[in-house]
Amino acid sequence: MKVTICGVPHEVVEVKDEFDSDCHFGQIEYSKCLIKVNKEMPEEMKVSTIVHEMMHGILNHLGYEDLANDEKFVRVLGNAINESFRVKVCNE
């Protein structure tokens, strides 16, 4: 699956839970244009996690690294966008 962040395609892959915390469900690797999500989550949580990681990517791309690293800000912004627009992620 792919998503586009500020015009740049990013691959989304589902992986075994390899995250270092009970509250992290995904990760974005900016230099690899890669988003990883825990494959064992329900589909709705995967979508929410992808949107969250996309918010990190958007903020980083726009030069707001301080906000991109602010998990609370990214979480509330991602949740607001996901709930406002009901983001749907489709496989190609």
PDB file of N, CA and C in Angstrom:
ATOM      1  N   MET A   1       0.836  -1.163   0.000  1.00  0.00           N
ATOM      2  CA  MET A   1       0.000   0.000   0.000  1.00  0.00           C
ATOM      3  C   MET A   1       0.889   1.236   0.000  1.00  0.00           C
ATOM      4  N   LYS A   2       0.431   2.282  -0.656  1.00  0.00           N
ATOM      5  CA  LYS A   2       1.182   3.538  -0.693  1.00  0.00           C
ATOM      6  C   LYS A   2       0.281   4.684  -0.268  1.00  0.00           C
ATOM      7  N   VAL A   3       0.891   5.683   0.359  1.00  0.00           N
ATOM      8  CA  VAL A   3       0.238   6.954   0.656  1.00  0.00           C
ATOM      9  C   VAL A   3       1.168   8.046   0.161  1.00  0.00           C
ATOM     10  N   THR A   4       0.592   9.210  -0.101  1.00  0.00           N
ATOM     11  CA  THR A   4       1.402  10.329  -0.560  1.00  0.00           C
ATOM     12  C   THR A   4       1.438  11.394   0.521  1.00  0.00           C
ATOM     13  N   ILE A   5       2.642  11.821   0.865  1.00  0.00           N
ATOM     14  CA  ILE A   5       2.844  12.861   1.866  1.00  0.00           C
ATOM     15  C   ILE A   5       3.538  14.024   1.171  1.00  0.00           C
ATOM     16  N   CYS A   6       2.823  15.128   1.025  1.00  0.00           N
ATOM     17  CA  CYS A   6       3.358  16.334   0.366  1.00  0.00           C
ATOM     18  C   CYS A   6       3.964  15.999  -0.997  1.00  0.00           C
ATOM     19  N   GLY A   7       3.268  15.165  -1.753  1.00  0.00           N
ATOM     20  CA  GLY A   7       3.695  14.814  -3.096  1.00  0.00           C
ATOM     21  C   GLY A   7       4.696  13.679  -3.190  1.00  0.00           C
ATOM     22  N   VAL A   8       5.124  13.157  -2.053  1.00  0.00           N
ATOM     23  CA  VAL A   8       6.132  12.097  -2.039  1.00  0.00           C
ATOM     24  C   VAL A   8       5.468  10.772  -1.661  1.00  0.00           C
ATOM     25  N   PRO A   9       5.550   9.750  -2.534  1.00  0.00           N
ATOM     26  CA  PRO A   9       4.960   8.456  -2.200  1.00  0.00           C
ATOM     27  C   PRO A   9       5.720   7.782  -1.058  1.00  0.00           C
ATOM     28  N   HIS A  10       4.965   7.202  -0.158  1.00  0.00           N
ATOM     29  CA  HIS A  10       5.516   6.446   0.968  1.00  0.00           C
ATOM     30  C   HIS A  10       4.898   5.057   0.959  1.00  0.00           C
ATOM     31  N   GLU A  11       5.716   4.059   1.118  1.00  0.00           N
ATOM     32  CA  GLU A  11       5.244   2.686   1.226  1.00  0.00           C
ATOM     33  C   GLU A  11       4.745   2.451   2.648  1.00  0.00           C
ATOM     34  N   VAL A  12       3.601   1.778   2.777  1.00  0.00           N
ATOM     35  CA  VAL A  12       3.072   1.391   4.079  1.00  0.00           C
ATOM     36  C   VAL A  12       3.175  -0.120   4.167  1.00  0.00           C
ATOM     37  N   VAL A  13       3.851  -0.602   5.199  1.00  0.00           N
ATOM     38  CA  VAL A  13       3.996  -2.045   5.387  1.00  0.00           C
ATOM     39  C   VAL A  13       3.492  -2.432   6.766  1.00  0.00           C
ATOM     40  N   GLU A  14       2.879  -3.590   6.808  1.00  0.00           N
ATOM     41  CA  GLU A  14       2.437  -4.147   8.081  1.00  0.00           C
ATOM     42  C   GLU A  14       3.531  -5.072   8.585  1.00  0.00           C
ATOM     43  N   VAL A  15       3.905  -4.891   9.841  1.00  0.00           N
ATOM     44  CA  VAL A  15       5.004  -5.651  10.424  1.00  0.00           C
ATOM     45  C   VAL A  15       4.587  -6.243  11.762  1.00  0.00           C
ATOM     46  N   LYS A  16       5.322  -7.246  12.167  1.00  0.00           N
ATOM     47  CA  LYS A  16       5.150  -7.788  13.508  1.00  0.00           C
ATOM     48  C   LYS A  16       5.448  -6.672  14.499  1.00  0.00           C
ATOM     49  N   ASP A  17       4.741  -6.663  15.616  1.00  0.00           N
ATOM     50  CA  ASP A  17       4.936  -5.605  16.619  1.00  0.00           C
ATOM     51  C   ASP A  17       6.389  -5.584  17.056  1.00  0.00           C
ATOM     52  N   GLU A  18       7.114  -4.555  16.582  1.00  0.00           N
ATOM     53  CA  GLU A  18       8.533  -4.409  16.913  1.00  0.00           C
ATOM     54  C   GLU A  18       8.797  -3.068  17.573  1.00  0.00           C
ATOM     55  N   PHE A  19       7.725  -2.458  18.055  1.00  0.00           N
ATOM     56  CA  PHE A  19       7.847  -1.129  18.618  1.00  0.00           C
ATOM     57  C   PHE A  19       8.183  -1.218  20.098  1.00  0.00           C
ATOM     58  N   ASP A  20       8.886  -0.221  20.578  1.00  0.00           N
ATOM     59  CA  ASP A  20       9.477  -0.278  21.908  1.00  0.00           C
ATOM     60  C   ASP A  20       8.552   0.184  23.028  1.00  0.00           C
ATOM     61  N   SER A  21       7.274   0.301  22.772  1.00  0.00           N
ATOM     62  CA  SER A  21       6.370   0.817  23.784  1.00  0.00           C
ATOM     63  C   SER A  21       4.960   0.302  23.553  1.00  0.00           C
ATOM     64  N   ASP A  22       4.205   0.202  24.636  1.00  0.00           N
ATOM     65  CA  ASP A  22       2.816  -0.228  24.523  1.00  0.00           C
ATOM     66  C   ASP A  22       1.928   0.826  23.872  1.00  0.00           C
ATOM     67  N   CYS A  23       2.419   2.060  23.769  1.00  0.00           N
ATOM     68  CA  CYS A  23       1.578   3.120  23.206  1.00  0.00           C
ATOM     69  C   CYS A  23       2.002   3.508  21.789  1.00  0.00           C
ATOM     70  N   HIS A  24       2.968   2.830  21.205  1.00  0.00           N
ATOM     71  CA  HIS A  24       3.365   3.099  19.822  1.00  0.00           C
ATOM     72  C   HIS A  24       2.900   1.939  18.948  1.00  0.00           C
ATOM     73  N   PHE A  25       2.165   2.275  17.915  1.00  0.00           N
ATOM     74  CA  PHE A  25       1.612   1.257  17.035  1.00  0.00           C
ATOM     75  C   PHE A  25       2.174   1.329  15.627  1.00  0.00           C
ATOM     76  N   GLY A  26       3.006   2.342  15.377  1.00  0.00           N
ATOM     77  CA  GLY A  26       3.582   2.525  14.057  1.00  0.00           C
ATOM     78  C   GLY A  26       4.807   3.405  14.120  1.00  0.00           C
ATOM     79  N   GLN A  27       5.407   3.576  12.948  1.00  0.00           N
ATOM     80  CA  GLN A  27       6.646   4.369  12.869  1.00  0.00           C
ATOM     81  C   GLN A  27       6.817   4.844  11.432  1.00  0.00           C
ATOM     82  N   ILE A  28       7.312   6.074  11.273  1.00  0.00           N
ATOM     83  CA  ILE A  28       7.662   6.566   9.953  1.00  0.00           C
ATOM     84  C   ILE A  28       9.175   6.702   9.877  1.00  0.00           C
ATOM     85  N   GLU A  29       9.740   6.243   8.774  1.00  0.00           N
ATOM     86  CA  GLU A  29      11.168   6.414   8.519  1.00  0.00           C
ATOM     87  C   GLU A  29      11.274   7.411   7.372  1.00  0.00           C
ATOM     88  N   TYR A  30      11.578   8.654   7.737  1.00  0.00           N
ATOM     89  CA  TYR A  30      11.580   9.742   6.759  1.00  0.00           C
ATOM     90  C   TYR A  30      12.500   9.464   5.580  1.00  0.00           C
ATOM     91  N   SER A  31      13.719   9.048   5.845  1.00  0.00           N
ATOM     92  CA  SER A  31      14.704   8.887   4.772  1.00  0.00           C
ATOM     93  C   SER A  31      14.368   7.734   3.820  1.00  0.00           C
ATOM     94  N   LYS A  32      13.578   6.775   4.290  1.00  0.00           N
ATOM     95  CA  LYS A  32      13.200   5.638   3.451  1.00  0.00           C
ATOM     96  C   LYS A  32      11.801   5.783   2.851  1.00  0.00           C
ATOM     97  N   CYS A  33      11.117   6.876   3.202  1.00  0.00           N
ATOM     98  CA  CYS A  33       9.731   7.063   2.759  1.00  0.00           C
ATOM     99  C   CYS A  33       8.916   5.810   3.066  1.00  0.00           C
ATOM    100  N   LEU A  34       8.973   5.402   4.326  1.00  0.00           N
ATOM    101  CA  LEU A  34       8.381   4.145   4.763  1.00  0.00           C
ATOM    102  C   LEU A  34       7.590   4.355   6.047  1.00  0.00           C
ATOM    103  N   ILE A  35       6.385   3.807   6.076  1.00  0.00           N
ATOM    104  CA  ILE A  35       5.565   3.794   7.287  1.00  0.00           C
ATOM    105  C   ILE A  35       5.335   2.339   7.659  1.00  0.00           C
ATOM    106  N   LYS A  36       5.620   2.012   8.909  1.00  0.00           N
ATOM    107  CA  LYS A  36       5.391   0.663   9.430  1.00  0.00           C
ATOM    108  C   LYS A  36       4.222   0.715  10.409  1.00  0.00           C
ATOM    109  N   VAL A  37       3.327  -0.274  10.327  1.00  0.00           N
ATOM    110  CA  VAL A  37       2.236  -0.395  11.285  1.00  0.00           C
ATOM    111  C   VAL A  37       2.175  -1.826  11.801  1.00  0.00           C
ATOM    112  N   ASN A  38       1.734  -1.954  13.031  1.00  0.00           N
ATOM    113  CA  ASN A  38       1.594  -3.263  13.665  1.00  0.00           C
ATOM    114  C   ASN A  38       0.483  -4.031  12.950  1.00  0.00           C
ATOM    115  N   LYS A  39       0.827  -5.163  12.357  1.00  0.00           N
ATOM    116  CA  LYS A  39      -0.134  -5.935  11.563  1.00  0.00           C
ATOM    117  C   LYS A  39      -1.187  -6.636  12.415  1.00  0.00           C
ATOM    118  N   GLU A  40      -0.989  -6.697  13.716  1.00  0.00           N
ATOM    119  CA  GLU A  40      -1.912  -7.422  14.582  1.00  0.00           C
ATOM    120  C   GLU A  40      -3.028  -6.540  15.138  1.00  0.00           C
ATOM    121  N   MET A  41      -3.093  -5.286  14.700  1.00  0.00           N
ATOM    122  CA  MET A  41      -4.139  -4.377  15.175  1.00  0.00           C
ATOM    123  C   MET A  41      -5.386  -4.522  14.317  1.00  0.00           C
ATOM    124  N   PRO A  42      -6.545  -4.146  14.870  1.00  0.00           N
ATOM    125  CA  PRO A  42      -7.757  -4.083  14.036  1.00  0.00           C
ATOM    126  C   PRO A  42      -7.582  -3.054  12.923  1.00  0.00           C
ATOM    127  N   GLU A  43      -8.308  -3.229  11.826  1.00  0.00           N
ATOM    128  CA  GLU A  43      -8.167  -2.372  10.642  1.00  0.00           C
ATOM    129  C   GLU A  43      -8.356  -0.893  10.977  1.00  0.00           C
ATOM    130  N   GLU A  44      -9.320  -0.570  11.807  1.00  0.00           N
ATOM    131  CA  GLU A  44      -9.577   0.825  12.169  1.00  0.00           C
ATOM    132  C   GLU A  44      -8.366   1.450  12.873  1.00  0.00           C
ATOM    133  N   MET A  45      -7.695   0.682  13.723  1.00  0.00           N
ATOM    134  CA  MET A  45      -6.493   1.188  14.398  1.00  0.00           C
ATOM    135  C   MET A  45      -5.343   1.354  13.412  1.00  0.00           C
ATOM    136  N   LYS A  46      -5.272   0.481  12.419  1.00  0.00           N
ATOM    137  CA  LYS A  46      -4.222   0.613  11.400  1.00  0.00           C
ATOM    138  C   LYS A  46      -4.394   1.931  10.645  1.00  0.00           C
ATOM    139  N   VAL A  47      -5.627   2.227  10.241  1.00  0.00           N
ATOM    140  CA  VAL A  47      -5.892   3.474   9.511  1.00  0.00           C
ATOM    141  C   VAL A  47      -5.529   4.665  10.391  1.00  0.00           C
ATOM    142  N   SER A  48      -5.953   4.655  11.633  1.00  0.00           N
ATOM    143  CA  SER A  48      -5.648   5.745  12.558  1.00  0.00           C
ATOM    144  C   SER A  48      -4.138   5.908  12.724  1.00  0.00           C
ATOM    145  N   THR A  49      -3.428   4.797  12.794  1.00  0.00           N
ATOM    146  CA  THR A  49      -1.969   4.830  12.937  1.00  0.00           C
ATOM    147  C   THR A  49      -1.311   5.390  11.686  1.00  0.00           C
ATOM    148  N   ILE A  50      -1.795   4.994  10.514  1.00  0.00           N
ATOM    149  CA  ILE A  50      -1.242   5.521   9.258  1.00  0.00           C
ATOM    150  C   ILE A  50      -1.437   7.030   9.196  1.00  0.00           C
ATOM    151  N   VAL A  51      -2.625   7.504   9.551  1.00  0.00           N
ATOM    152  CA  VAL A  51      -2.882   8.948   9.549  1.00  0.00           C
ATOM    153  C   VAL A  51      -1.944   9.643  10.530  1.00  0.00           C
ATOM    154  N   HIS A  52      -1.768   9.067  11.704  1.00  0.00           N
ATOM    155  CA  HIS A  52      -0.854   9.631  12.710  1.00  0.00           C
ATOM    156  C   HIS A  52       0.562   9.755  12.148  1.00  0.00           C
ATOM    157  N   GLU A  53       1.043   8.693  11.524  1.00  0.00           N
ATOM    158  CA  GLU A  53       2.399   8.716  10.970  1.00  0.00           C
ATOM    159  C   GLU A  53       2.486   9.702   9.804  1.00  0.00           C
ATOM    160  N   MET A  54       1.416   9.836   9.036  1.00  0.00           N
ATOM    161  CA  MET A  54       1.397  10.824   7.960  1.00  0.00           C
ATOM    162  C   MET A  54       1.511  12.242   8.523  1.00  0.00           C
ATOM    163  N   MET A  55       0.894  12.493   9.680  1.00  0.00           N
ATOM    164  CA  MET A  55       1.005  13.818  10.311  1.00  0.00           C
ATOM    165  C   MET A  55       2.462  14.111  10.673  1.00  0.00           C
ATOM    166  N   HIS A  56       3.168  13.098  11.204  1.00  0.00           N
ATOM    167  CA  HIS A  56       4.611  13.267  11.462  1.00  0.00           C
ATOM    168  C   HIS A  56       5.315  13.671  10.162  1.00  0.00           C
ATOM    169  N   GLY A  57       5.009  12.945   9.086  1.00  0.00           N
ATOM    170  CA  GLY A  57       5.663  13.194   7.802  1.00  0.00           C
ATOM    171  C   GLY A  57       5.353  14.569   7.235  1.00  0.00           C
ATOM    172  N   ILE A  58       4.103  14.983   7.310  1.00  0.00           N
ATOM    173  CA  ILE A  58       3.718  16.304   6.800  1.00  0.00           C
ATOM    174  C   ILE A  58       4.452  17.394   7.562  1.00  0.00           C
ATOM    175  N   LEU A  59       4.404  17.323   8.877  1.00  0.00           N
ATOM    176  CA  LEU A  59       5.056  18.357   9.692  1.00  0.00           C
ATOM    177  C   LEU A  59       6.563  18.385   9.439  1.00  0.00           C
ATOM    178  N   ASN A  60       7.178  17.225   9.336  1.00  0.00           N
ATOM    179  CA  ASN A  60       8.611  17.153   9.071  1.00  0.00           C
ATOM    180  C   ASN A  60       8.924  17.745   7.698  1.00  0.00           C
ATOM    181  N   HIS A  61       8.142  17.376   6.698  1.00  0.00           N
ATOM    182  CA  HIS A  61       8.349  17.873   5.337  1.00  0.00           C
ATOM    183  C   HIS A  61       8.237  19.396   5.265  1.00  0.00           C
ATOM    184  N   LEU A  62       7.324  19.955   6.036  1.00  0.00           N
ATOM    185  CA  LEU A  62       7.108  21.406   6.032  1.00  0.00           C
ATOM    186  C   LEU A  62       8.126  22.163   6.881  1.00  0.00           C
ATOM    187  N   GLY A  63       9.024  21.422   7.540  1.00  0.00           N
ATOM    188  CA  GLY A  63      10.072  22.070   8.330  1.00  0.00           C
ATOM    189  C   GLY A  63       9.716  22.320   9.780  1.00  0.00           C
ATOM    190  N   TYR A  64       8.623  21.728  10.241  1.00  0.00           N
ATOM    191  CA  TYR A  64       8.213  21.882  11.641  1.00  0.00           C
ATOM    192  C   TYR A  64       8.649  20.657  12.451  1.00  0.00           C
ATOM    193  N   GLU A  65       9.957  20.422  12.489  1.00  0.00           N
ATOM    194  CA  GLU A  65      10.482  19.245  13.169  1.00  0.00           C
ATOM    195  C   GLU A  65      10.086  19.207  14.637  1.00  0.00           C
ATOM    196  N   ASP A  66      10.039  20.397  15.281  1.00  0.00           N
ATOM    197  CA  ASP A  66       9.658  20.434  16.691  1.00  0.00           C
ATOM    198  C   ASP A  66       8.238  19.913  16.880  1.00  0.00           C
ATOM    199  N   LEU A  67       7.314  20.289  16.004  1.00  0.00           N
ATOM    200  CA  LEU A  67       5.950  19.779  16.099  1.00  0.00           C
ATOM    201  C   LEU A  67       5.867  18.322  15.657  1.00  0.00           C
ATOM    202  N   ALA A  68       6.680  17.948  14.675  1.00  0.00           N
ATOM    203  CA  ALA A  68       6.701  16.556  14.212  1.00  0.00           C
ATOM    204  C   ALA A  68       7.141  15.613  15.326  1.00  0.00           C
ATOM    205  N   ASN A  69       7.938  16.112  16.252  1.00  0.00           N
ATOM    206  CA  ASN A  69       8.420  15.292  17.367  1.00  0.00           C
ATOM    207  C   ASN A  69       7.544  15.403  18.608  1.00  0.00           C
ATOM    208  N   ASP A  70       6.497  16.204  18.551  1.00  0.00           N
ATOM    209  CA  ASP A  70       5.581  16.389  19.676  1.00  0.00           C
ATOM    210  C   ASP A  70       4.439  15.373  19.552  1.00  0.00           C
ATOM    211  N   GLU A  71       4.583  14.233  20.218  1.00  0.00           N
ATOM    212  CA  GLU A  71       3.618  13.136  20.082  1.00  0.00           C
ATOM    213  C   GLU A  71       2.203  13.549  20.447  1.00  0.00           C
ATOM    214  N   LYS A  72       2.050  14.351  21.480  1.00  0.00           N
ATOM    215  CA  LYS A  72       0.706  14.768  21.882  1.00  0.00           C
ATOM    216  C   LYS A  72       0.056  15.592  20.770  1.00  0.00           C
ATOM    217  N   PHE A  73       0.790  16.556  20.216  1.00  0.00           N
ATOM    218  CA  PHE A  73       0.269  17.389  19.135  1.00  0.00           C
ATOM    219  C   PHE A  73      -0.086  16.539  17.920  1.00  0.00           C
ATOM    220  N   VAL A  74       0.814  15.647  17.534  1.00  0.00           N
ATOM    221  CA  VAL A  74       0.584  14.785  16.360  1.00  0.00           C
ATOM    222  C   VAL A  74      -0.618  13.883  16.601  1.00  0.00           C
ATOM    223  N   ARG A  75      -0.744  13.362  17.811  1.00  0.00           N
ATOM    224  CA  ARG A  75      -1.870  12.470  18.127  1.00  0.00           C
ATOM    225  C   ARG A  75      -3.205  13.199  17.996  1.00  0.00           C
ATOM    226  N   VAL A  76      -3.323  14.389  18.598  1.00  0.00           N
ATOM    227  CA  VAL A  76      -4.610  15.088  18.540  1.00  0.00           C
ATOM    228  C   VAL A  76      -4.902  15.591  17.124  1.00  0.00           C
ATOM    229  N   LEU A  77      -3.884  16.052  16.398  1.00  0.00           N
ATOM    230  CA  LEU A  77      -4.081  16.503  15.021  1.00  0.00           C
ATOM    231  C   LEU A  77      -4.496  15.334  14.131  1.00  0.00           C
ATOM    232  N   GLY A  78      -3.801  14.220  14.252  1.00  0.00           N
ATOM    233  CA  GLY A  78      -4.134  13.030  13.462  1.00  0.00           C
ATOM    234  C   GLY A  78      -5.538  12.538  13.748  1.00  0.00           C
ATOM    235  N   ASN A  79      -5.907  12.496  15.040  1.00  0.00           N
ATOM    236  CA  ASN A  79      -7.256  12.057  15.414  1.00  0.00           C
ATOM    237  C   ASN A  79      -8.310  13.008  14.850  1.00  0.00           C
ATOM    238  N   ALA A  80      -8.056  14.317  14.938  1.00  0.00           N
ATOM    239  CA  ALA A  80      -9.016  15.301  14.424  1.00  0.00           C
ATOM    240  C   ALA A  80      -9.201  15.152  12.918  1.00  0.00           C
ATOM    241  N   ILE A  81      -8.121  14.973  12.194  1.00  0.00           N
ATOM    242  CA  ILE A  81      -8.214  14.815  10.740  1.00  0.00           C
ATOM    243  C   ILE A  81      -8.905  13.510  10.382  1.00  0.00           C
ATOM    244  N   ASN A  82      -8.514  12.439  11.035  1.00  0.00           N
ATOM    245  CA  ASN A  82      -9.111  11.138  10.750  1.00  0.00           C
ATOM    246  C   ASN A  82     -10.606  11.154  11.033  1.00  0.00           C
ATOM    247  N   GLU A  83     -11.022  11.738  12.136  1.00  0.00           N
ATOM    248  CA  GLU A  83     -12.439  11.787  12.483  1.00  0.00           C
ATOM    249  C   GLU A  83     -13.211  12.771  11.614  1.00  0.00           C
ATOM    250  N   SER A  84     -12.577  13.861  11.217  1.00  0.00           N
ATOM    251  CA  SER A  84     -13.265  14.866  10.407  1.00  0.00           C
ATOM    252  C   SER A  84     -13.502  14.402   8.976  1.00  0.00           C
ATOM    253  N   PHE A  85     -12.547  13.685   8.430  1.00  0.00           N
ATOM    254  CA  PHE A  85     -12.620  13.291   7.030  1.00  0.00           C
ATOM    255  C   PHE A  85     -12.884  11.809   6.827  1.00  0.00           C
ATOM    256  N   ARG A  86     -12.934  11.041   7.916  1.00  0.00           N
ATOM    257  CA  ARG A  86     -13.121   9.601   7.809  1.00  0.00           C
ATOM    258  C   ARG A  86     -12.206   9.013   6.754  1.00  0.00           C
ATOM    259  N   VAL A  87     -10.918   9.083   7.013  1.00  0.00           N
ATOM    260  CA  VAL A  87      -9.896   8.647   6.068  1.00  0.00           C
ATOM    261  C   VAL A  87     -10.058   7.159   5.776  1.00  0.00           C
ATOM    262  N   LYS A  88     -10.021   6.830   4.514  1.00  0.00           N
ATOM    263  CA  LYS A  88     -10.074   5.438   4.062  1.00  0.00           C
ATOM    264  C   LYS A  88      -8.767   5.133   3.362  1.00  0.00           C
ATOM    265  N   VAL A  89      -8.147   4.038   3.718  1.00  0.00           N
ATOM    266  CA  VAL A  89      -6.901   3.620   3.083  1.00  0.00           C
ATOM    267  C   VAL A  89      -7.215   2.432   2.203  1.00  0.00           C
ATOM    268  N   CYS A  90      -6.850   2.519   0.936  1.00  0.00           N
ATOM    269  CA  CYS A  90      -7.144   1.459  -0.030  1.00  0.00           C
ATOM    270  C   CYS A  90      -5.847   0.834  -0.537  1.00  0.00           C
ATOM    271  N   ASN A  91      -5.845  -0.451  -0.699  1.00  0.00           N
ATOM    272  CA  ASN A  91      -4.698  -1.139  -1.300  1.00  0.00           C
ATOM    273  C   ASN A  91      -4.761  -0.978  -2.799  1.00  0.00           C
ATOM    274  N   GLU A  92      -3.600  -0.791  -3.416  1.00  0.00           N
ATOM    275  CA  GLU A  92      -3.541  -0.687  -4.884  1.00  0.00           C
ATOM    276  C   GLU A  92      -3.311  -2.041  -5.483  1.00  0.00           C
TER     277      GLU A  92
END
